[in-house]
Amino acid sequence: MSPVRAESRQILESPRRQLRNVCKTPYRVLDAPELADDFYVNVVDWSSTNVLGVGLGSSVYLWTAHTAAVSKLCDLSSTSDTVSSVAWVQKGSTLAVGTISGKLHIYDAVTLQLVRSYPAAHALRIGALAWNQHVLSSGSRDRMIQHRDVREQTLKPFKKSPGHRQEVCGLRWNGEGMGGVPSGMLASGGNDNKVCIWDLRGSRRPGLGGGQGQGTVSVGAEASVPGAEGGIGDTPLWKFHDHTAAVKALAWDPHVAGVLATGGGTQDKHIRFWNVLYGNKLSELDTGSQVCNLTWSLTSHELVSTHGFSSTTAQNQICIWKYPSLDMVASLTGHTSRVLYLAMSPDGETIVTGAGDETLRFWNAFPKREDRERERRRESRLDYGRLIR
C-alpha cells in the first residue's frame, strides 16, 4: 500500500555511495632549496616524457620520474638573472624558461643545450608561459601577452594580446582537442582580477542570448594598447570580471567542451566555472582560502586545487573536488607554506605540489585509467558487453 514504488524504496534505503579513498600522505618528498615563495611565478612543470622541470633561484633542474635522476639544465647566475617561469611543450622534450629580467630561453632537455634565446622578450619579468604546439605564449609583469612561433628566426612575436591592466600571472592554452574545443583558445588571468579568453583564429563571440544575457558575466571589448599590432587576437573574445583578487589558477576541463575553471587569490577565495562557448558562468565555489592552482583529472571528472592564505583553520591545503557536484573528495595537508605550484604526471594519476617551505611533494591523487573504466562499466545500466552474448 506504500505510495513509494519498490525501485524508489530500494534507492532510498541503499547506503549513500562513498567518495573514493585518497591516500592523505605524499609517497615522496624532495627538497627544493630556493623554490620561490612568490604567487606570481610558475616554476614547476611536468613533461609528457615524465620529466619534472623545476626553477630554483637562477637554475633549472630536471628530475626524471622513472629513474629519480637529477640533472641541471641551466644556470643563469652569471647574468644575475632568476628563473620566473618554466613550461614544457605538450609533446616532446623542449622546455621554455622565462626570467625576472624579461628574457626567454628555449632548451632541449635531452641534450641540455640552449636552442634559442629571446634576450628582450618582455620589459619585465615573465611569470607565465604556455605552449600550443610550436606557438609559445608568454605573459609578463609588463601586462602584455606575446605569441611566438619558435620555428621562425625572427625575435619579434607574430602577435600581441593586450587585455590586462596589471601583471599577467596565469596562461593556459586549451590543449589540442581538449574538451572538444579547437586548440585556438587561450585563457589568461591577471593581477587586475580579470580573466580573458583569446581566440587567435579570429572567431567572434555569439550574438546576444545563448547565455550572455544572464547577468553573471561582463564581456570586455577594451581598445587595444597603442603600438600593438592590429588584427586578430588583439581583443579578448570574452572578459570575465567576477573575481575580486588576482587570477593565477586556470584549467580547461578535458571532459566537457568549453568549460574553464578559474581561481581567485586571497581577497576572492572562489573557484568559478565558465562556458567559454557562450560566455556564461556555470557555477562557483567558495573555498575559504587563496586559490593558487587548478588542474583537472584526466581519469575522472574531478578537479584538484592548491591553496595558500586562509580565513579558516585549515591552511595550505590541497583539495580534490567532484564535478559538477563540487563535493570535496579529499583534503591533503603537509606543506607548511602556501602551495604555490602544481603539476600532473603524464598518466594523470600523480600530482606534484611545491611550496615556499622548499619541498616538492608527490601524491597519488587520481584513479588509474583501467580502474576508472571498470568502475564506469559496473555503474552502467546499459553495459552491452554484459548483456549481449
Protein backbone atom coordinates (compact mmCIF):
# COMPACT_ATOMS: atom_id res chain seq x y z
CA MET A 1 0.00 0.00 0.00
CA SER A 2 3.04 2.28 0.09
CA PRO A 3 2.95 5.17 -2.40
CA VAL A 4 6.68 4.66 -2.91
CA ARG A 5 7.48 2.21 -5.66
CA ALA A 6 9.76 -0.74 -4.91
CA GLU A 7 12.51 0.65 -7.15
CA SER A 8 12.41 4.03 -5.39
CA ARG A 9 12.35 2.42 -1.96
CA GLN A 10 15.41 0.37 -2.82
CA ILE A 11 17.27 3.53 -3.81
CA LEU A 12 16.21 5.37 -0.65
CA GLU A 13 17.18 2.51 1.63
CA SER A 14 20.52 1.79 0.00
CA PRO A 15 23.55 3.38 1.68
CA ARG A 16 24.92 6.55 0.12
CA ARG A 17 27.82 5.77 -2.18
CA GLN A 18 31.03 6.95 -0.56
CA LEU A 19 33.53 9.06 -2.44
CA ARG A 20 36.69 7.14 -3.21
CA ASN A 21 39.55 6.88 -0.76
CA VAL A 22 42.63 9.02 -1.38
CA CYS A 23 45.93 8.49 0.40
CA LYS A 24 46.43 11.51 2.69
CA THR A 25 50.23 11.35 2.77
CA PRO A 26 52.70 12.01 -0.05
CA TYR A 27 54.60 8.98 -1.30
CA ARG A 28 57.72 11.04 -2.00
CA VAL A 29 59.13 14.33 -0.70
CA LEU A 30 62.01 16.14 -2.41
CA ASP A 31 63.98 19.09 -1.07
CA ALA A 32 63.78 22.14 -3.32
CA PRO A 33 66.12 24.83 -1.95
CA GLU A 34 65.43 28.33 -3.27
CA LEU A 35 61.97 27.40 -4.52
CA ALA A 36 60.38 30.85 -4.71
CA ASP A 37 57.64 31.78 -2.26
CA ASP A 38 56.01 34.02 -4.89
CA PHE A 39 52.39 33.79 -6.01
CA TYR A 40 53.12 35.41 -9.38
CA VAL A 41 55.66 32.94 -10.79
CA ASN A 42 55.26 29.43 -12.24
CA VAL A 43 58.44 27.39 -11.88
CA VAL A 44 57.25 23.75 -11.78
CA ASP A 45 56.04 21.72 -14.76
CA TRP A 46 55.86 18.01 -15.68
CA SER A 47 56.56 16.90 -19.25
CA SER A 48 54.87 14.33 -21.46
CA THR A 49 58.16 12.37 -21.29
CA ASN A 50 57.80 12.07 -17.48
CA VAL A 51 60.45 14.64 -16.56
CA LEU A 52 59.82 17.29 -13.91
CA GLY A 53 61.29 20.73 -14.57
CA VAL A 54 61.86 22.98 -11.55
CA GLY A 55 63.24 26.50 -11.37
CA LEU A 56 65.30 27.03 -8.22
CA GLY A 57 66.77 30.51 -7.94
CA SER A 58 68.87 31.12 -11.03
CA SER A 59 68.93 27.46 -12.13
CA VAL A 60 66.58 24.92 -13.70
CA TYR A 61 66.81 21.28 -12.64
CA LEU A 62 65.32 18.22 -14.31
CA TRP A 63 64.08 15.23 -12.28
CA THR A 64 63.38 12.09 -14.28
CA ALA A 65 60.47 10.28 -12.64
CA HIS A 66 61.23 6.68 -13.63
CA THR A 67 64.90 6.83 -12.57
CA ALA A 68 64.85 9.64 -9.96
CA ALA A 69 67.91 11.05 -11.72
CA VAL A 70 68.56 14.79 -11.37
CA SER A 71 70.38 16.99 -13.86
CA LYS A 72 70.98 20.72 -14.11
CA LEU A 73 69.60 22.20 -17.31
CA CYS A 74 70.89 25.76 -16.97
CA ASP A 75 72.41 28.27 -14.55
CA LEU A 76 71.74 31.97 -15.10
CA SER A 77 73.74 33.20 -12.10
CA SER A 78 76.47 34.58 -14.37
CA THR A 79 73.92 37.07 -15.76
CA SER A 80 72.49 37.85 -12.31
CA ASP A 81 69.11 36.64 -13.54
CA THR A 82 66.46 34.49 -11.83
CA VAL A 83 64.04 31.91 -13.25
CA SER A 84 60.41 33.06 -13.02
CA SER A 85 58.59 30.51 -15.22
CA VAL A 86 59.08 27.14 -16.90
CA ALA A 87 56.82 25.29 -19.35
CA TRP A 88 57.21 22.07 -21.33
CA VAL A 89 55.94 21.77 -24.87
CA GLN A 90 52.87 19.46 -24.92
CA LYS A 91 54.70 16.61 -26.61
CA GLY A 92 58.46 16.35 -26.58
CA SER A 93 61.49 17.46 -24.59
CA THR A 94 61.56 21.19 -25.27
CA LEU A 95 61.43 23.42 -22.20
CA ALA A 96 60.80 27.18 -22.20
CA VAL A 97 62.31 29.27 -19.40
CA GLY A 98 61.27 32.84 -18.58
CA THR A 99 63.27 35.11 -16.29
CA ILE A 100 62.87 38.04 -13.91
CA SER A 101 64.59 40.39 -16.39
CA GLY A 102 62.18 39.51 -19.21
CA LYS A 103 64.42 37.11 -21.13
CA LEU A 104 63.03 33.95 -22.73
CA HIS A 105 65.12 30.83 -23.37
CA ILE A 106 64.30 27.57 -25.19
CA TYR A 107 66.19 24.41 -24.17
CA ASP A 108 66.44 20.84 -25.43
CA ALA A 109 66.13 18.76 -22.27
CA VAL A 110 67.71 15.68 -23.88
CA THR A 111 70.97 17.34 -24.90
CA LEU A 112 70.74 20.00 -22.14
CA GLN A 113 71.52 22.59 -24.81
CA LEU A 114 70.15 26.09 -25.37
CA VAL A 115 68.23 26.00 -28.66
CA ARG A 116 67.45 29.70 -28.93
CA SER A 117 67.02 32.80 -26.83
CA TYR A 118 64.94 35.97 -26.88
CA PRO A 119 67.07 38.47 -24.93
CA ALA A 120 64.39 41.17 -24.73
CA ALA A 121 61.14 39.22 -24.94
CA HIS A 122 59.43 41.43 -22.34
CA ALA A 123 60.27 44.62 -20.48
CA LEU A 124 59.63 43.00 -17.08
CA ARG A 125 59.53 39.50 -15.57
CA ILE A 126 57.85 36.64 -17.41
CA GLY A 127 55.63 34.92 -14.87
CA ALA A 128 53.51 32.72 -17.15
CA LEU A 129 54.25 30.54 -20.18
CA ALA A 130 52.01 28.28 -22.26
CA TRP A 131 52.61 26.18 -25.38
CA ASN A 132 50.27 25.40 -28.25
CA GLN A 133 52.32 23.05 -30.44
CA HIS A 134 55.02 25.31 -31.94
CA VAL A 135 53.47 28.54 -30.60
CA LEU A 136 54.84 29.79 -27.28
CA SER A 137 52.79 32.40 -25.41
CA SER A 138 54.31 34.44 -22.61
CA GLY A 139 52.66 36.69 -20.03
CA SER A 140 54.59 39.38 -18.19
CA ARG A 141 54.55 41.99 -15.50
CA ASP A 142 54.58 44.50 -18.38
CA ARG A 143 50.87 43.49 -18.82
CA MET A 144 51.41 42.09 -22.32
CA ILE A 145 50.83 38.61 -23.72
CA GLN A 146 53.07 37.77 -26.68
CA HIS A 147 52.89 34.85 -29.08
CA ARG A 148 55.98 33.47 -30.85
CA ASP A 149 56.40 30.73 -33.41
CA VAL A 150 59.60 29.08 -32.23
CA ARG A 151 60.28 27.77 -35.76
CA GLU A 152 60.74 31.30 -37.10
CA GLN A 153 64.11 33.04 -36.93
CA THR A 154 62.73 36.43 -36.00
CA LEU A 155 62.89 37.51 -32.36
CA LYS A 156 59.67 39.51 -32.60
CA PRO A 157 56.31 37.98 -31.69
CA PHE A 158 53.86 37.44 -34.51
CA LYS A 159 51.01 38.62 -32.29
CA LYS A 160 50.45 40.55 -29.07
CA SER A 161 47.34 40.32 -26.90
CA PRO A 162 46.86 43.40 -24.71
CA GLY A 163 43.92 42.91 -22.37
CA HIS A 164 45.17 43.14 -18.79
CA ARG A 165 45.93 46.32 -16.87
CA GLN A 166 48.26 44.64 -14.40
CA GLU A 167 50.65 41.69 -14.41
CA VAL A 168 49.66 38.56 -16.35
CA CYS A 169 50.16 35.72 -13.85
CA GLY A 170 48.27 32.83 -15.48
CA LEU A 171 48.18 31.45 -19.04
CA ARG A 172 46.64 28.22 -20.27
CA TRP A 173 46.04 27.07 -23.82
CA ASN A 174 43.15 24.74 -24.44
CA GLY A 175 45.10 21.67 -25.48
CA GLU A 176 44.61 20.30 -28.95
CA GLY A 177 41.14 18.81 -28.99
CA MET A 178 40.88 19.11 -25.20
CA GLY A 179 37.30 19.42 -24.07
CA GLY A 180 36.15 19.31 -27.69
CA VAL A 181 37.25 22.90 -28.25
CA PRO A 182 39.81 23.56 -31.02
CA SER A 183 43.27 24.50 -29.84
CA GLY A 184 42.97 28.19 -30.67
CA MET A 185 41.54 29.15 -27.27
CA LEU A 186 43.84 30.76 -24.70
CA ALA A 187 42.82 31.74 -21.17
CA SER A 188 44.76 34.40 -19.29
CA GLY A 189 44.48 35.62 -15.71
CA GLY A 190 45.89 38.82 -14.29
CA ASN A 191 46.61 40.76 -11.14
CA ASP A 192 43.79 43.09 -12.29
CA ASN A 193 41.36 40.31 -11.20
CA LYS A 194 40.27 39.69 -14.79
CA VAL A 195 40.07 36.53 -16.90
CA CYS A 196 40.42 36.93 -20.67
CA ILE A 197 39.60 34.38 -23.34
CA TRP A 198 41.54 34.83 -26.58
CA ASP A 199 40.96 33.21 -29.94
CA LEU A 200 43.84 33.79 -32.34
CA ARG A 201 41.90 32.08 -35.14
CA GLY A 202 39.60 35.08 -35.37
CA SER A 203 36.38 33.59 -34.05
CA ARG A 204 33.77 36.01 -32.80
CA ARG A 205 31.53 35.54 -29.82
CA PRO A 206 27.87 34.65 -30.40
CA GLY A 207 25.26 37.36 -30.54
CA LEU A 208 23.06 38.32 -27.60
CA GLY A 209 21.40 35.35 -25.96
CA GLY A 210 22.67 31.84 -25.56
CA GLY A 211 23.77 32.59 -22.04
CA GLN A 212 25.34 36.01 -22.48
CA GLY A 213 22.37 37.87 -21.09
CA GLN A 214 22.31 36.09 -17.75
CA GLY A 215 23.94 39.00 -15.97
CA THR A 216 26.72 36.96 -14.36
CA VAL A 217 29.41 38.00 -16.82
CA SER A 218 30.78 41.22 -18.16
CA VAL A 219 32.19 40.90 -21.62
CA GLY A 220 35.22 43.03 -22.34
CA ALA A 221 35.85 44.85 -25.58
CA GLU A 222 38.54 47.24 -24.48
CA ALA A 223 40.58 49.12 -27.03
CA SER A 224 43.95 47.64 -27.94
CA VAL A 225 47.06 49.09 -26.37
CA PRO A 226 48.67 51.69 -28.66
CA GLY A 227 51.60 50.28 -30.55
CA ALA A 228 50.38 46.70 -30.61
CA GLU A 229 49.81 45.01 -33.93
CA GLY A 230 46.26 45.28 -35.09
CA GLY A 231 44.10 42.40 -36.16
CA ILE A 232 43.01 39.06 -34.83
CA GLY A 233 43.89 38.37 -31.20
CA ASP A 234 44.08 41.99 -30.03
CA THR A 235 40.70 41.98 -28.28
CA PRO A 236 39.51 39.23 -25.92
CA LEU A 237 36.71 37.03 -27.12
CA TRP A 238 35.35 37.18 -23.56
CA LYS A 239 36.42 39.04 -20.45
CA PHE A 240 35.16 37.91 -17.04
CA HIS A 241 35.07 40.38 -14.14
CA ASP A 242 33.66 38.31 -11.25
CA HIS A 243 36.89 37.64 -9.37
CA THR A 244 37.94 40.14 -6.70
CA ALA A 245 41.62 39.14 -6.50
CA ALA A 246 44.43 38.10 -8.81
CA VAL A 247 43.72 35.09 -11.03
CA LYS A 248 46.65 32.72 -11.41
CA ALA A 249 44.81 29.39 -11.41
CA LEU A 250 43.36 28.36 -14.79
CA ALA A 251 42.32 24.90 -16.02
CA TRP A 252 40.41 23.65 -19.07
CA ASP A 253 38.06 20.72 -18.50
CA PRO A 254 39.26 17.79 -20.65
CA HIS A 255 35.87 16.06 -20.33
CA VAL A 256 33.34 18.78 -21.27
CA ALA A 257 33.65 21.10 -24.25
CA GLY A 258 34.39 24.73 -23.48
CA VAL A 259 34.44 24.57 -19.66
CA LEU A 260 37.12 26.62 -17.91
CA ALA A 261 37.83 26.70 -14.16
CA THR A 262 39.46 29.80 -12.65
CA GLY A 263 40.62 30.51 -9.11
CA GLY A 264 41.00 33.82 -7.29
CA GLY A 265 43.56 34.99 -4.75
CA THR A 266 43.39 35.96 -1.10
CA GLN A 267 40.58 38.51 -1.33
CA ASP A 268 38.45 36.25 -3.53
CA LYS A 269 38.93 32.59 -2.49
CA HIS A 270 36.48 31.34 -5.15
CA ILE A 271 36.74 28.79 -7.91
CA ARG A 272 34.46 29.75 -10.79
CA PHE A 273 33.42 27.69 -13.78
CA TRP A 274 32.74 29.25 -17.18
CA ASN A 275 31.29 28.18 -20.51
CA VAL A 276 33.56 29.95 -22.97
CA LEU A 277 31.45 28.91 -25.95
CA TYR A 278 28.65 31.26 -24.81
CA GLY A 279 30.39 33.41 -22.20
CA ASN A 280 28.29 32.48 -19.16
CA LYS A 281 29.23 31.45 -15.62
CA LEU A 282 28.20 27.90 -14.78
CA SER A 283 28.84 27.76 -11.03
CA GLU A 284 31.17 28.91 -8.27
CA LEU A 285 32.66 27.51 -5.08
CA ASP A 286 33.85 29.43 -2.02
CA THR A 287 36.96 27.53 -0.86
CA GLY A 288 37.71 29.78 2.11
CA SER A 289 41.35 30.25 1.08
CA GLN A 290 43.59 31.70 -1.61
CA VAL A 291 43.43 29.57 -4.77
CA CYS A 292 46.95 29.12 -6.15
CA ASN A 293 46.50 26.40 -8.81
CA LEU A 294 43.91 24.26 -10.55
CA THR A 295 44.23 21.07 -12.58
CA TRP A 296 41.59 18.68 -13.91
CA SER A 297 41.95 14.95 -13.58
CA LEU A 298 42.40 13.05 -16.83
CA THR A 299 40.99 9.80 -15.42
CA SER A 300 37.92 11.06 -13.52
CA HIS A 301 35.70 14.14 -13.62
CA GLU A 302 37.44 15.78 -10.69
CA LEU A 303 39.43 18.93 -10.06
CA VAL A 304 42.39 19.49 -7.76
CA SER A 305 43.10 22.91 -6.24
CA THR A 306 46.01 24.12 -4.10
CA HIS A 307 45.67 26.84 -1.51
CA GLY A 308 47.52 29.45 0.49
CA PHE A 309 46.31 32.15 2.85
CA SER A 310 43.07 31.07 4.52
CA SER A 311 40.26 32.56 6.58
CA THR A 312 39.71 29.18 8.27
CA THR A 313 41.81 26.95 10.49
CA ALA A 314 42.80 24.79 7.51
CA GLN A 315 45.97 26.17 5.92
CA ASN A 316 47.97 25.29 2.81
CA GLN A 317 45.59 22.59 1.65
CA ILE A 318 45.41 20.51 -1.50
CA CYS A 319 41.75 19.78 -2.26
CA ILE A 320 40.14 17.36 -4.70
CA TRP A 321 36.59 18.21 -5.84
CA LYS A 322 33.98 16.17 -7.65
CA TYR A 323 32.47 17.99 -10.64
CA PRO A 324 29.78 19.19 -11.17
CA SER A 325 28.50 18.49 -7.62
CA LEU A 326 31.59 20.26 -6.14
CA ASP A 327 31.65 17.80 -3.24
CA MET A 328 35.08 17.53 -1.63
CA VAL A 329 36.65 14.15 -2.30
CA ALA A 330 39.76 14.70 -0.17
CA SER A 331 41.84 17.32 1.58
CA LEU A 332 45.60 16.74 1.64
CA THR A 333 47.88 18.54 4.06
CA GLY A 334 51.60 18.52 4.73
CA HIS A 335 53.03 21.74 3.34
CA THR A 336 53.86 24.41 5.89
CA SER A 337 53.68 27.28 3.36
CA ARG A 338 51.36 28.32 0.55
CA VAL A 339 51.05 25.56 -2.06
CA LEU A 340 52.06 27.77 -4.98
CA TYR A 341 52.96 25.11 -7.55
CA LEU A 342 51.11 22.16 -9.04
CA ALA A 343 51.81 19.78 -11.92
CA MET A 344 50.39 16.45 -13.05
CA SER A 345 52.16 13.33 -14.29
CA PRO A 346 51.55 12.36 -17.94
CA ASP A 347 49.49 9.32 -16.90
CA GLY A 348 47.15 11.58 -14.90
CA GLU A 349 47.43 9.60 -11.66
CA THR A 350 50.03 11.59 -9.73
CA ILE A 351 50.34 15.26 -8.84
CA VAL A 352 53.35 17.12 -7.50
CA THR A 353 52.97 20.21 -5.35
CA GLY A 354 55.55 22.80 -4.39
CA ALA A 355 55.52 25.43 -1.66
CA GLY A 356 57.55 28.14 0.00
CA ASP A 357 58.63 25.53 2.54
CA GLU A 358 61.11 24.48 -0.19
CA THR A 359 59.72 20.98 -0.66
CA LEU A 360 58.12 19.12 -3.55
CA ARG A 361 55.54 16.53 -2.52
CA PHE A 362 54.17 13.75 -4.73
CA TRP A 363 50.62 12.48 -4.17
CA ASN A 364 48.61 9.59 -5.61
CA ALA A 365 45.59 11.78 -6.26
CA PHE A 366 43.57 10.16 -9.04
CA PRO A 367 42.48 6.64 -10.02
CA LYS A 368 44.20 4.64 -12.71
CA ARG A 369 42.55 4.63 -16.12
CA GLU A 370 41.72 0.92 -16.01
CA ASP A 371 40.17 1.28 -12.54
CA ARG A 372 38.01 4.12 -13.77
CA GLU A 373 36.89 2.19 -16.85
CA ARG A 374 35.99 -0.84 -14.73
CA GLU A 375 34.00 1.35 -12.33
CA ARG A 376 32.18 3.04 -15.19
CA ARG A 377 31.16 -0.31 -16.67
CA ARG A 378 29.92 -1.53 -13.29
CA GLU A 379 27.81 1.59 -12.83
CA SER A 380 26.28 1.49 -16.28
CA ARG A 381 22.83 0.01 -16.73
CA LEU A 382 23.46 -0.23 -20.44
CA ASP A 383 26.52 -2.45 -20.31
CA TYR A 384 26.02 -4.05 -23.69
CA GLY A 385 29.16 -6.11 -23.29
CA ARG A 386 27.45 -7.84 -20.36
CA LEU A 387 24.04 -8.20 -21.97
CA ILE A 388 24.95 -9.43 -25.45
CA ARG A 389 26.24 -12.97 -25.68
